[in-house]
């Protein structure tokens, strides 16, 4: 006869990760401010917003043309954000 085991201590894959204390948690989103130069119109600001939102881990991105700043909530490293902005033809640095 085999002993039955209780699964009470083993997490169920259908449980949310918060209910599984040993589950790997994705990086927590933090606010990052970027100073962006080279934007001269609303189209530029829209482009920077779009490329930032395409970076994996970005939860939200908002770009203010007048101030030249971008506010990003992300779990991505700042280097990934800077690279995306530069690849779109603009310069940026963390502010």
Protein backbone atom coordinates (compact mmCIF):
# COMPACT_ATOMS: atom_id res chain seq x y z
CA UNK A 1 0.00 0.00 0.00
CA UNK A 2 1.38 3.42 -0.89
CA UNK A 3 1.20 6.36 1.41
CA UNK A 4 -0.77 9.29 0.08
CA UNK A 5 1.01 12.62 0.00
CA UNK A 6 -0.52 15.94 0.71
CA UNK A 7 0.05 18.58 -1.96
CA UNK A 8 -0.72 21.37 0.48
CA UNK A 9 2.92 22.46 0.67
CA UNK A 10 3.51 22.33 -3.08
CA UNK A 11 2.38 25.33 -5.11
CA UNK A 12 -0.20 24.74 -7.77
CA UNK A 13 0.70 26.13 -11.19
CA UNK A 14 -2.79 27.62 -11.43
CA UNK A 15 -2.20 29.74 -8.31
CA UNK A 16 -1.14 33.36 -8.90
CA UNK A 17 2.59 33.84 -8.32
CA UNK A 18 1.86 36.03 -5.28
CA UNK A 19 0.33 32.96 -3.64
CA UNK A 20 3.51 30.97 -4.34
CA UNK A 21 6.19 32.43 -2.06
CA UNK A 22 9.12 30.75 -3.85
CA UNK A 23 8.01 31.67 -7.38
CA UNK A 24 10.27 33.96 -9.38
CA UNK A 25 8.80 37.45 -9.45
CA UNK A 26 9.19 39.62 -12.55
CA UNK A 27 11.11 42.86 -12.05
CA UNK A 28 9.09 45.49 -10.30
CA UNK A 29 8.29 48.55 -12.43
CA UNK A 30 9.97 51.75 -11.30
CA UNK A 31 9.69 55.33 -12.50
CA UNK A 32 12.55 56.58 -14.66
CA UNK A 33 12.91 60.11 -15.97
CA UNK A 34 14.78 60.75 -19.21
CA UNK A 35 15.91 64.02 -20.75
CA UNK A 36 15.41 63.74 -24.52
CA UNK A 37 16.97 66.13 -27.03
CA UNK A 38 16.27 66.54 -30.72
CA UNK A 39 12.48 66.55 -30.52
CA UNK A 40 11.06 69.49 -32.48
CA UNK A 41 7.41 68.55 -33.04
CA UNK A 42 4.52 66.46 -31.75
CA UNK A 43 5.49 63.74 -34.24
CA UNK A 44 8.92 63.49 -32.61
CA UNK A 45 7.34 63.14 -29.16
CA UNK A 46 4.96 60.49 -30.51
CA UNK A 47 7.89 58.57 -32.01
CA UNK A 48 9.82 58.62 -28.73
CA UNK A 49 6.69 57.51 -26.86
CA UNK A 50 6.14 54.65 -29.31
CA UNK A 51 9.72 53.35 -29.20
CA UNK A 52 9.80 53.51 -25.41
CA UNK A 53 6.55 51.55 -25.15
CA UNK A 54 8.05 48.87 -27.42
CA UNK A 55 10.90 48.16 -24.98
CA UNK A 56 10.13 44.91 -23.10
CA UNK A 57 9.21 45.66 -19.49
CA UNK A 58 7.80 49.13 -20.13
CA UNK A 59 4.43 49.58 -18.44
CA UNK A 60 3.86 53.21 -19.47
CA UNK A 61 5.72 56.00 -21.22
CA UNK A 62 4.79 59.67 -21.47
CA UNK A 63 6.80 62.27 -23.33
CA UNK A 64 6.50 66.04 -22.84
CA UNK A 65 7.73 67.90 -25.92
CA UNK A 66 7.86 71.29 -24.16
CA UNK A 67 10.12 70.12 -21.33
CA UNK A 68 12.00 67.51 -23.34
CA UNK A 69 11.38 64.87 -20.68
CA UNK A 70 10.05 61.34 -20.80
CA UNK A 71 8.51 59.61 -17.79
CA UNK A 72 8.70 55.83 -18.01
CA UNK A 73 7.41 53.10 -15.69
CA UNK A 74 9.44 50.03 -16.41
CA UNK A 75 11.25 46.99 -15.13
CA UNK A 76 13.78 47.34 -17.97
CA UNK A 77 17.27 48.73 -17.40
CA UNK A 78 17.70 52.39 -18.27
CA UNK A 79 20.29 51.41 -20.91
CA UNK A 80 17.54 49.66 -22.91
CA UNK A 81 15.43 52.82 -22.85
CA UNK A 82 18.34 55.02 -23.91
CA UNK A 83 19.23 52.64 -26.75
CA UNK A 84 15.65 52.69 -28.07
CA UNK A 85 15.52 56.50 -28.06
CA UNK A 86 18.92 56.75 -29.75
CA UNK A 87 17.94 54.17 -32.37
CA UNK A 88 14.97 56.42 -33.23
CA UNK A 89 17.36 59.31 -33.93
CA UNK A 90 17.21 61.25 -30.67
CA UNK A 91 19.60 61.68 -27.76
CA UNK A 92 18.66 60.87 -24.19
CA UNK A 93 20.11 60.53 -20.74
CA UNK A 94 18.67 59.69 -17.34
CA UNK A 95 17.72 62.81 -15.45
